[in-house]
Amino acid sequence: MIPKVEWAVFLEVADNLHLIQGYEENEEFLRTMHLLLLEVEVMGGTLQCPESGHMFSISHRIPNMLLSEEETES
């Protein structure tokens, strides 16, 4: 479960996804968002940083957000 939602980021993502108009009143959409935010756990996969494009792996629900030494050198 997500302990805290960064609402500014959430709204930015929602805007980038071009959500349907009137989603605030759409019961089916709101139920789906509830499911995604509170009941879905990502067991494995990747996250991509929107600024750098760097891919971070997720393993057993834990994202590895650490960079290697080569990646931190400028």
PDB file of N, CA and C in Angstrom:
ATOM      1  N   MET A   1       0.836  -1.169   0.000  1.00  0.00           N
ATOM      2  CA  MET A   1       0.000   0.000   0.000  1.00  0.00           C
ATOM      3  C   MET A   1       0.890   1.243   0.000  1.00  0.00           C
ATOM      4  N   ILE A   2       0.442   2.278  -0.668  1.00  0.00           N
ATOM      5  CA  ILE A   2       1.169   3.541  -0.703  1.00  0.00           C
ATOM      6  C   ILE A   2       0.876   4.288   0.596  1.00  0.00           C
ATOM      7  N   PRO A   3       1.906   4.547   1.444  1.00  0.00           N
ATOM      8  CA  PRO A   3       1.641   5.198   2.718  1.00  0.00           C
ATOM      9  C   PRO A   3       1.252   6.666   2.564  1.00  0.00           C
ATOM     10  N   LYS A   4       1.742   7.316   1.500  1.00  0.00           N
ATOM     11  CA  LYS A   4       1.449   8.729   1.300  1.00  0.00           C
ATOM     12  C   LYS A   4       1.456   8.995  -0.195  1.00  0.00           C
ATOM     13  N   VAL A   5       0.443   9.652  -0.686  1.00  0.00           N
ATOM     14  CA  VAL A   5       0.382   9.998  -2.101  1.00  0.00           C
ATOM     15  C   VAL A   5       0.853  11.437  -2.259  1.00  0.00           C
ATOM     16  N   GLU A   6       1.815  11.648  -3.127  1.00  0.00           N
ATOM     17  CA  GLU A   6       2.259  12.998  -3.465  1.00  0.00           C
ATOM     18  C   GLU A   6       1.251  13.544  -4.476  1.00  0.00           C
ATOM     19  N   TRP A   7       0.274  14.305  -3.989  1.00  0.00           N
ATOM     20  CA  TRP A   7      -0.846  14.692  -4.828  1.00  0.00           C
ATOM     21  C   TRP A   7      -0.436  15.580  -5.988  1.00  0.00           C
ATOM     22  N   ALA A   8       0.554  16.440  -5.818  1.00  0.00           N
ATOM     23  CA  ALA A   8       0.993  17.287  -6.934  1.00  0.00           C
ATOM     24  C   ALA A   8       1.507  16.421  -8.076  1.00  0.00           C
ATOM     25  N   VAL A   9       2.285  15.401  -7.738  1.00  0.00           N
ATOM     26  CA  VAL A   9       2.807  14.477  -8.750  1.00  0.00           C
ATOM     27  C   VAL A   9       1.669  13.669  -9.352  1.00  0.00           C
ATOM     28  N   PHE A  10       0.761  13.192  -8.510  1.00  0.00           N
ATOM     29  CA  PHE A  10      -0.379  12.413  -8.987  1.00  0.00           C
ATOM     30  C   PHE A  10      -1.199  13.215  -9.996  1.00  0.00           C
ATOM     31  N   LEU A  11      -1.477  14.482  -9.689  1.00  0.00           N
ATOM     32  CA  LEU A  11      -2.263  15.311 -10.596  1.00  0.00           C
ATOM     33  C   LEU A  11      -1.510  15.600 -11.886  1.00  0.00           C
ATOM     34  N   GLU A  12      -0.179  15.759 -11.807  1.00  0.00           N
ATOM     35  CA  GLU A  12       0.623  15.968 -13.012  1.00  0.00           C
ATOM     36  C   GLU A  12       0.557  14.741 -13.919  1.00  0.00           C
ATOM     37  N   VAL A  13       0.675  13.566 -13.324  1.00  0.00           N
ATOM     38  CA  VAL A  13       0.565  12.323 -14.100  1.00  0.00           C
ATOM     39  C   VAL A  13      -0.826  12.209 -14.707  1.00  0.00           C
ATOM     40  N   ALA A  14      -1.842  12.493 -13.911  1.00  0.00           N
ATOM     41  CA  ALA A  14      -3.214  12.419 -14.417  1.00  0.00           C
ATOM     42  C   ALA A  14      -3.405  13.366 -15.593  1.00  0.00           C
ATOM     43  N   ASP A  15      -2.827  14.559 -15.508  1.00  0.00           N
ATOM     44  CA  ASP A  15      -2.925  15.526 -16.598  1.00  0.00           C
ATOM     45  C   ASP A  15      -2.212  15.007 -17.842  1.00  0.00           C
ATOM     46  N   ASN A  16      -1.040  14.404 -17.658  1.00  0.00           N
ATOM     47  CA  ASN A  16      -0.290  13.859 -18.793  1.00  0.00           C
ATOM     48  C   ASN A  16      -1.004  12.683 -19.446  1.00  0.00           C
ATOM     49  N   LEU A  17      -1.837  11.973 -18.683  1.00  0.00           N
ATOM     50  CA  LEU A  17      -2.583  10.834 -19.225  1.00  0.00           C
ATOM     51  C   LEU A  17      -3.863  11.258 -19.940  1.00  0.00           C
ATOM     52  N   HIS A  18      -4.189  12.555 -19.877  1.00  0.00           N
ATOM     53  CA  HIS A  18      -5.388  13.089 -20.530  1.00  0.00           C
ATOM     54  C   HIS A  18      -6.640  12.337 -20.075  1.00  0.00           C
ATOM     55  N   LEU A  19      -6.897  12.419 -18.785  1.00  0.00           N
ATOM     56  CA  LEU A  19      -8.068  11.753 -18.213  1.00  0.00           C
ATOM     57  C   LEU A  19      -9.357  12.291 -18.823  1.00  0.00           C
ATOM     58  N   ILE A  20     -10.387  11.482 -18.740  1.00  0.00           N
ATOM     59  CA  ILE A  20     -11.677  11.873 -19.288  1.00  0.00           C
ATOM     60  C   ILE A  20     -12.217  13.087 -18.546  1.00  0.00           C
ATOM     61  N   GLN A  21     -13.005  13.873 -19.226  1.00  0.00           N
ATOM     62  CA  GLN A  21     -13.627  15.038 -18.600  1.00  0.00           C
ATOM     63  C   GLN A  21     -14.632  14.567 -17.548  1.00  0.00           C
ATOM     64  N   GLY A  22     -14.722  15.297 -16.457  1.00  0.00           N
ATOM     65  CA  GLY A  22     -15.683  14.982 -15.412  1.00  0.00           C
ATOM     66  C   GLY A  22     -15.351  13.734 -14.622  1.00  0.00           C
ATOM     67  N   TYR A  23     -14.064  13.393 -14.559  1.00  0.00           N
ATOM     68  CA  TYR A  23     -13.679  12.168 -13.852  1.00  0.00           C
ATOM     69  C   TYR A  23     -14.051  12.215 -12.373  1.00  0.00           C
ATOM     70  N   GLU A  24     -14.175  13.421 -11.824  1.00  0.00           N
ATOM     71  CA  GLU A  24     -14.519  13.547 -10.409  1.00  0.00           C
ATOM     72  C   GLU A  24     -15.896  12.955 -10.104  1.00  0.00           C
ATOM     73  N   GLU A  25     -16.776  12.903 -11.104  1.00  0.00           N
ATOM     74  CA  GLU A  25     -18.140  12.398 -10.935  1.00  0.00           C
ATOM     75  C   GLU A  25     -18.313  10.994 -11.509  1.00  0.00           C
ATOM     76  N   ASN A  26     -17.280  10.433 -12.128  1.00  0.00           N
ATOM     77  CA  ASN A  26     -17.374   9.137 -12.800  1.00  0.00           C
ATOM     78  C   ASN A  26     -17.099   8.018 -11.796  1.00  0.00           C
ATOM     79  N   GLU A  27     -18.164   7.344 -11.366  1.00  0.00           N
ATOM     80  CA  GLU A  27     -18.066   6.319 -10.319  1.00  0.00           C
ATOM     81  C   GLU A  27     -17.122   5.183 -10.712  1.00  0.00           C
ATOM     82  N   GLU A  28     -17.209   4.710 -11.956  1.00  0.00           N
ATOM     83  CA  GLU A  28     -16.352   3.602 -12.401  1.00  0.00           C
ATOM     84  C   GLU A  28     -14.875   4.010 -12.367  1.00  0.00           C
ATOM     85  N   PHE A  29     -14.583   5.222 -12.842  1.00  0.00           N
ATOM     86  CA  PHE A  29     -13.205   5.711 -12.824  1.00  0.00           C
ATOM     87  C   PHE A  29     -12.685   5.818 -11.392  1.00  0.00           C
ATOM     88  N   LEU A  30     -13.490   6.375 -10.501  1.00  0.00           N
ATOM     89  CA  LEU A  30     -13.058   6.551  -9.114  1.00  0.00           C
ATOM     90  C   LEU A  30     -12.810   5.209  -8.430  1.00  0.00           C
ATOM     91  N   ARG A  31     -13.641   4.219  -8.717  1.00  0.00           N
ATOM     92  CA  ARG A  31     -13.429   2.883  -8.152  1.00  0.00           C
ATOM     93  C   ARG A  31     -12.129   2.270  -8.682  1.00  0.00           C
ATOM     94  N   THR A  32     -11.865   2.469  -9.973  1.00  0.00           N
ATOM     95  CA  THR A  32     -10.627   1.948 -10.563  1.00  0.00           C
ATOM     96  C   THR A  32      -9.413   2.624  -9.945  1.00  0.00           C
ATOM     97  N   MET A  33      -9.472   3.939  -9.748  1.00  0.00           N
ATOM     98  CA  MET A  33      -8.349   4.652  -9.134  1.00  0.00           C
ATOM     99  C   MET A  33      -8.133   4.178  -7.699  1.00  0.00           C
ATOM    100  N   HIS A  34      -9.208   3.948  -6.975  1.00  0.00           N
ATOM    101  CA  HIS A  34      -9.086   3.425  -5.611  1.00  0.00           C
ATOM    102  C   HIS A  34      -8.361   2.087  -5.629  1.00  0.00           C
ATOM    103  N   LEU A  35      -8.763   1.221  -6.535  1.00  0.00           N
ATOM    104  CA  LEU A  35      -8.121  -0.088  -6.662  1.00  0.00           C
ATOM    105  C   LEU A  35      -6.629   0.073  -6.949  1.00  0.00           C
ATOM    106  N   LEU A  36      -6.289   0.917  -7.916  1.00  0.00           N
ATOM    107  CA  LEU A  36      -4.884   1.078  -8.294  1.00  0.00           C
ATOM    108  C   LEU A  36      -4.046   1.693  -7.183  1.00  0.00           C
ATOM    109  N   LEU A  37      -4.592   2.677  -6.489  1.00  0.00           N
ATOM    110  CA  LEU A  37      -3.821   3.374  -5.459  1.00  0.00           C
ATOM    111  C   LEU A  37      -3.691   2.588  -4.158  1.00  0.00           C
ATOM    112  N   LEU A  38      -4.714   1.838  -3.801  1.00  0.00           N
ATOM    113  CA  LEU A  38      -4.725   1.239  -2.471  1.00  0.00           C
ATOM    114  C   LEU A  38      -4.667  -0.279  -2.437  1.00  0.00           C
ATOM    115  N   GLU A  39      -4.919  -0.939  -3.552  1.00  0.00           N
ATOM    116  CA  GLU A  39      -5.007  -2.386  -3.501  1.00  0.00           C
ATOM    117  C   GLU A  39      -4.033  -3.111  -4.424  1.00  0.00           C
ATOM    118  N   VAL A  40      -3.339  -2.403  -5.303  1.00  0.00           N
ATOM    119  CA  VAL A  40      -2.409  -3.045  -6.237  1.00  0.00           C
ATOM    120  C   VAL A  40      -0.988  -2.872  -5.718  1.00  0.00           C
ATOM    121  N   GLU A  41      -0.250  -3.973  -5.649  1.00  0.00           N
ATOM    122  CA  GLU A  41       1.155  -3.929  -5.258  1.00  0.00           C
ATOM    123  C   GLU A  41       2.003  -4.338  -6.453  1.00  0.00           C
ATOM    124  N   VAL A  42       2.995  -3.533  -6.784  1.00  0.00           N
ATOM    125  CA  VAL A  42       3.911  -3.865  -7.879  1.00  0.00           C
ATOM    126  C   VAL A  42       4.968  -4.800  -7.314  1.00  0.00           C
ATOM    127  N   MET A  43       4.933  -6.048  -7.736  1.00  0.00           N
ATOM    128  CA  MET A  43       5.863  -7.059  -7.225  1.00  0.00           C
ATOM    129  C   MET A  43       7.221  -6.971  -7.915  1.00  0.00           C
ATOM    130  N   GLY A  44       7.235  -6.583  -9.166  1.00  0.00           N
ATOM    131  CA  GLY A  44       8.484  -6.485  -9.906  1.00  0.00           C
ATOM    132  C   GLY A  44       8.266  -5.677 -11.162  1.00  0.00           C
ATOM    133  N   GLY A  45       9.352  -5.111 -11.662  1.00  0.00           N
ATOM    134  CA  GLY A  45       9.262  -4.293 -12.867  1.00  0.00           C
ATOM    135  C   GLY A  45      10.277  -3.181 -12.814  1.00  0.00           C
ATOM    136  N   THR A  46       9.929  -2.057 -13.429  1.00  0.00           N
ATOM    137  CA  THR A  46      10.838  -0.912 -13.450  1.00  0.00           C
ATOM    138  C   THR A  46      10.052   0.384 -13.273  1.00  0.00           C
ATOM    139  N   LEU A  47      10.748   1.369 -12.721  1.00  0.00           N
ATOM    140  CA  LEU A  47      10.265   2.743 -12.651  1.00  0.00           C
ATOM    141  C   LEU A  47      11.192   3.576 -13.520  1.00  0.00           C
ATOM    142  N   GLN A  48      10.639   4.552 -14.239  1.00  0.00           N
ATOM    143  CA  GLN A  48      11.482   5.419 -15.054  1.00  0.00           C
ATOM    144  C   GLN A  48      11.384   6.842 -14.534  1.00  0.00           C
ATOM    145  N   CYS A  49      12.550   7.460 -14.304  1.00  0.00           N
ATOM    146  CA  CYS A  49      12.610   8.846 -13.851  1.00  0.00           C
ATOM    147  C   CYS A  49      12.174   9.753 -15.005  1.00  0.00           C
ATOM    148  N   PRO A  50      11.188  10.642 -14.781  1.00  0.00           N
ATOM    149  CA  PRO A  50      10.737  11.513 -15.866  1.00  0.00           C
ATOM    150  C   PRO A  50      11.773  12.558 -16.269  1.00  0.00           C
ATOM    151  N   GLU A  51      12.708  12.892 -15.382  1.00  0.00           N
ATOM    152  CA  GLU A  51      13.711  13.906 -15.696  1.00  0.00           C
ATOM    153  C   GLU A  51      14.929  13.331 -16.401  1.00  0.00           C
ATOM    154  N   SER A  52      15.476  12.233 -15.866  1.00  0.00           N
ATOM    155  CA  SER A  52      16.713  11.674 -16.428  1.00  0.00           C
ATOM    156  C   SER A  52      16.468  10.510 -17.372  1.00  0.00           C
ATOM    157  N   GLY A  53      15.290   9.890 -17.270  1.00  0.00           N
ATOM    158  CA  GLY A  53      15.008   8.714 -18.074  1.00  0.00           C
ATOM    159  C   GLY A  53      15.615   7.445 -17.506  1.00  0.00           C
ATOM    160  N   HIS A  54      16.307   7.558 -16.371  1.00  0.00           N
ATOM    161  CA  HIS A  54      16.954   6.391 -15.762  1.00  0.00           C
ATOM    162  C   HIS A  54      15.898   5.385 -15.311  1.00  0.00           C
ATOM    163  N   MET A  55      16.200   4.105 -15.527  1.00  0.00           N
ATOM    164  CA  MET A  55      15.295   3.026 -15.144  1.00  0.00           C
ATOM    165  C   MET A  55      15.750   2.439 -13.807  1.00  0.00           C
ATOM    166  N   PHE A  56      14.826   2.322 -12.860  1.00  0.00           N
ATOM    167  CA  PHE A  56      15.089   1.730 -11.556  1.00  0.00           C
ATOM    168  C   PHE A  56      14.298   0.426 -11.460  1.00  0.00           C
ATOM    169  N   SER A  57      14.960  -0.626 -11.021  1.00  0.00           N
ATOM    170  CA  SER A  57      14.285  -1.921 -10.945  1.00  0.00           C
ATOM    171  C   SER A  57      13.465  -2.036  -9.660  1.00  0.00           C
ATOM    172  N   ILE A  58      12.378  -2.806  -9.746  1.00  0.00           N
ATOM    173  CA  ILE A  58      11.539  -3.135  -8.596  1.00  0.00           C
ATOM    174  C   ILE A  58      11.604  -4.644  -8.427  1.00  0.00           C
ATOM    175  N   SER A  59      11.956  -5.081  -7.227  1.00  0.00           N
ATOM    176  CA  SER A  59      12.031  -6.508  -6.946  1.00  0.00           C
ATOM    177  C   SER A  59      11.363  -6.778  -5.602  1.00  0.00           C
ATOM    178  N   HIS A  60      10.416  -7.683  -5.577  1.00  0.00           N
ATOM    179  CA  HIS A  60       9.681  -8.033  -4.352  1.00  0.00           C
ATOM    180  C   HIS A  60       9.067  -6.790  -3.710  1.00  0.00           C
ATOM    181  N   ARG A  61       8.449  -5.934  -4.510  1.00  0.00           N
ATOM    182  CA  ARG A  61       7.765  -4.696  -4.099  1.00  0.00           C
ATOM    183  C   ARG A  61       8.713  -3.579  -3.679  1.00  0.00           C
ATOM    184  N   ILE A  62      10.029  -3.752  -3.794  1.00  0.00           N
ATOM    185  CA  ILE A  62      10.983  -2.746  -3.330  1.00  0.00           C
ATOM    186  C   ILE A  62      11.735  -2.161  -4.521  1.00  0.00           C
ATOM    187  N   PRO A  63      11.576  -0.840  -4.781  1.00  0.00           N
ATOM    188  CA  PRO A  63      12.338  -0.230  -5.868  1.00  0.00           C
ATOM    189  C   PRO A  63      13.778   0.035  -5.430  1.00  0.00           C
ATOM    190  N   ASN A  64      14.726  -0.261  -6.307  1.00  0.00           N
ATOM    191  CA  ASN A  64      16.133   0.024  -6.047  1.00  0.00           C
ATOM    192  C   ASN A  64      16.433   1.395  -6.643  1.00  0.00           C
ATOM    193  N   MET A  65      16.456   2.416  -5.787  1.00  0.00           N
ATOM    194  CA  MET A  65      16.654   3.785  -6.242  1.00  0.00           C
ATOM    195  C   MET A  65      18.105   4.238  -6.138  1.00  0.00           C
ATOM    196  N   LEU A  66      19.006   3.312  -5.841  1.00  0.00           N
ATOM    197  CA  LEU A  66      20.416   3.654  -5.714  1.00  0.00           C
ATOM    198  C   LEU A  66      21.093   3.630  -7.077  1.00  0.00           C
ATOM    199  N   LEU A  67      21.963   4.595  -7.303  1.00  0.00           N
ATOM    200  CA  LEU A  67      22.741   4.643  -8.534  1.00  0.00           C
ATOM    201  C   LEU A  67      24.107   4.020  -8.293  1.00  0.00           C
ATOM    202  N   SER A  68      24.671   3.423  -9.330  1.00  0.00           N
ATOM    203  CA  SER A  68      26.026   2.883  -9.215  1.00  0.00           C
ATOM    204  C   SER A  68      27.023   4.040  -9.205  1.00  0.00           C
ATOM    205  N   GLU A  69      28.278   3.746  -8.841  1.00  0.00           N
ATOM    206  CA  GLU A  69      29.302   4.791  -8.806  1.00  0.00           C
ATOM    207  C   GLU A  69      29.474   5.438 -10.171  1.00  0.00           C
ATOM    208  N   GLU A  70      29.412   4.628 -11.235  1.00  0.00           N
ATOM    209  CA  GLU A  70      29.573   5.168 -12.586  1.00  0.00           C
ATOM    210  C   GLU A  70      28.455   6.148 -12.930  1.00  0.00           C
ATOM    211  N   GLU A  71      27.257   5.868 -12.443  1.00  0.00           N
ATOM    212  CA  GLU A  71      26.113   6.717 -12.748  1.00  0.00           C
ATOM    213  C   GLU A  71      26.126   8.022 -11.957  1.00  0.00           C
ATOM    214  N   THR A  72      26.825   8.059 -10.823  1.00  0.00           N
ATOM    215  CA  THR A  72      26.849   9.271 -10.009  1.00  0.00           C
ATOM    216  C   THR A  72      27.986  10.201 -10.375  1.00  0.00           C
ATOM    217  N   GLU A  73      28.964   9.709 -11.137  1.00  0.00           N
ATOM    218  CA  GLU A  73      30.084  10.560 -11.542  1.00  0.00           C
ATOM    219  C   GLU A  73      29.623  11.497 -12.644  1.00  0.00           C
ATOM    220  N   SER A  74      30.030  12.782 -12.520  1.00  0.00           N
ATOM    221  CA  SER A  74      29.629  13.741 -13.543  1.00  0.00           C
ATOM    222  C   SER A  74      30.751  14.084 -14.473  1.00  0.00           C
TER     223      SER A  74
END
